[in-house]
Amino acid sequence: PIRYRHYGKTTEEMLKKCATFPSDSEERRQLLSMLANNMKKTLYNSTKEVVDDERILKDIKEYIGDSIGDITVEDLKLRSMKELQSKKGNNTNRNNRHNKK
């Protein structure tokens, strides 16, 4: 069973995989940062409330356990709520550019 449904099974599996990386590796830091930002966005989308960065770190620690080491919120490089709430980027679909009259 999935621990937190709003994050999904893929995020859970990626966090477990992340735990297998060496704790001092750059790949692990980058993967944790990407997953943490995805978790923050997913949690915001499911609750529509401001998401505390400490909550994301707590949830990651619950998934990974002691193997996470001494990681801090600053290490996760989480985006701000403003960035998460912003509208989607401009449509860069090349097909649409040529169809405008």
Protein backbone atom coordinates (compact mmCIF):
# COMPACT_ATOMS: atom_id res chain seq x y z
CA PRO A 1 0.00 0.00 0.00
CA ILE A 2 1.05 3.57 -0.69
CA ARG A 3 1.95 5.50 2.45
CA TYR A 4 0.70 8.88 1.22
CA ARG A 5 -1.70 8.63 -1.71
CA HIS A 6 -1.27 12.24 -2.79
CA TYR A 7 2.42 11.62 -3.62
CA GLY A 8 1.76 8.43 -5.55
CA LYS A 9 3.55 5.15 -5.99
CA THR A 10 6.18 6.47 -8.40
CA THR A 11 7.39 9.09 -5.93
CA GLU A 12 7.52 6.45 -3.21
CA GLU A 13 9.56 4.12 -5.41
CA MET A 14 11.93 6.93 -6.46
CA LEU A 15 12.54 7.86 -2.81
CA LYS A 16 13.37 4.24 -2.01
CA LYS A 17 15.76 4.18 -4.97
CA CYS A 18 17.30 7.45 -3.80
CA ALA A 19 18.08 5.82 -0.46
CA THR A 20 20.39 3.37 -2.26
CA PHE A 21 22.64 6.13 -3.63
CA PRO A 22 25.78 7.08 -1.67
CA SER A 23 24.80 9.77 0.85
CA ASP A 24 27.44 12.22 -0.36
CA SER A 25 26.73 11.87 -4.10
CA GLU A 26 25.63 14.76 -6.28
CA GLU A 27 23.11 12.49 -8.03
CA ARG A 28 21.39 11.81 -4.72
CA ARG A 29 21.24 15.52 -3.83
CA GLN A 30 19.78 16.40 -7.23
CA LEU A 31 17.25 13.56 -7.15
CA LEU A 32 16.15 14.48 -3.63
CA SER A 33 15.73 18.10 -4.68
CA MET A 34 13.63 17.17 -7.72
CA LEU A 35 11.50 14.74 -5.73
CA ALA A 36 11.01 17.22 -2.88
CA ASN A 37 9.83 19.92 -5.28
CA ASN A 38 7.50 17.45 -6.96
CA MET A 39 6.15 16.40 -3.57
CA LYS A 40 5.56 20.03 -2.60
CA LYS A 41 3.68 20.72 -5.82
CA THR A 42 1.65 17.51 -5.52
CA LEU A 43 0.72 18.25 -1.91
CA TYR A 44 -0.26 21.80 -2.80
CA ASN A 45 -2.43 20.57 -5.70
CA SER A 46 -4.21 18.06 -3.48
CA THR A 47 -4.81 20.39 -0.51
CA LYS A 48 -4.81 23.88 -2.12
CA GLU A 49 -3.14 25.12 1.07
CA VAL A 50 0.31 26.55 1.67
CA VAL A 51 2.78 23.72 2.07
CA ASP A 52 5.41 23.95 4.79
CA ASP A 53 8.90 22.94 3.63
CA GLU A 54 9.45 21.16 6.96
CA ARG A 55 6.49 18.91 6.16
CA ILE A 56 8.15 17.83 2.91
CA LEU A 57 11.40 17.06 4.74
CA LYS A 58 9.47 15.11 7.41
CA ASP A 59 7.67 13.06 4.75
CA ILE A 60 10.95 12.31 2.96
CA LYS A 61 12.49 11.18 6.24
CA GLU A 62 9.51 8.87 6.82
CA TYR A 63 10.06 7.28 3.41
CA ILE A 64 13.85 7.01 3.51
CA GLY A 65 14.50 6.67 7.23
CA ASP A 66 17.90 7.12 8.82
CA SER A 67 19.76 6.70 5.53
CA ILE A 68 18.84 10.29 4.58
CA GLY A 69 21.53 11.65 6.90
CA ASP A 70 21.65 15.25 8.09
CA ILE A 71 19.77 16.82 5.21
CA THR A 72 18.08 20.17 5.81
CA VAL A 73 15.30 22.09 4.09
CA GLU A 74 17.97 24.33 2.54
CA ASP A 75 19.66 21.27 1.01
CA LEU A 76 16.41 20.38 -0.79
CA LYS A 77 16.33 23.73 -2.65
CA LEU A 78 12.55 23.88 -2.61
CA ARG A 79 10.74 26.34 -4.84
CA SER A 80 8.55 29.01 -3.32
CA MET A 81 4.78 28.68 -3.17
CA LYS A 82 4.55 31.61 -5.61
CA GLU A 83 6.48 29.62 -8.21
CA LEU A 84 4.28 26.59 -7.63
CA GLN A 85 1.09 28.63 -7.94
CA SER A 86 2.12 30.48 -11.10
CA LYS A 87 0.32 29.76 -14.32
CA LYS A 88 1.79 27.31 -16.75
CA GLY A 89 4.47 28.62 -19.07
CA ASN A 90 3.84 30.06 -22.48
CA ASN A 91 2.74 27.64 -25.13
CA THR A 92 5.89 26.83 -27.05
CA ASN A 93 4.27 24.33 -29.36
CA ARG A 94 5.79 25.16 -32.76
CA ASN A 95 2.70 24.01 -34.61
CA ASN A 96 0.58 26.64 -32.90
CA ARG A 97 2.94 29.47 -33.90
CA HIS A 98 2.37 28.94 -37.61
CA ASN A 99 -1.41 28.63 -37.34
CA LYS A 100 -1.97 32.15 -36.01
CA LYS A 101 -3.40 34.65 -38.51
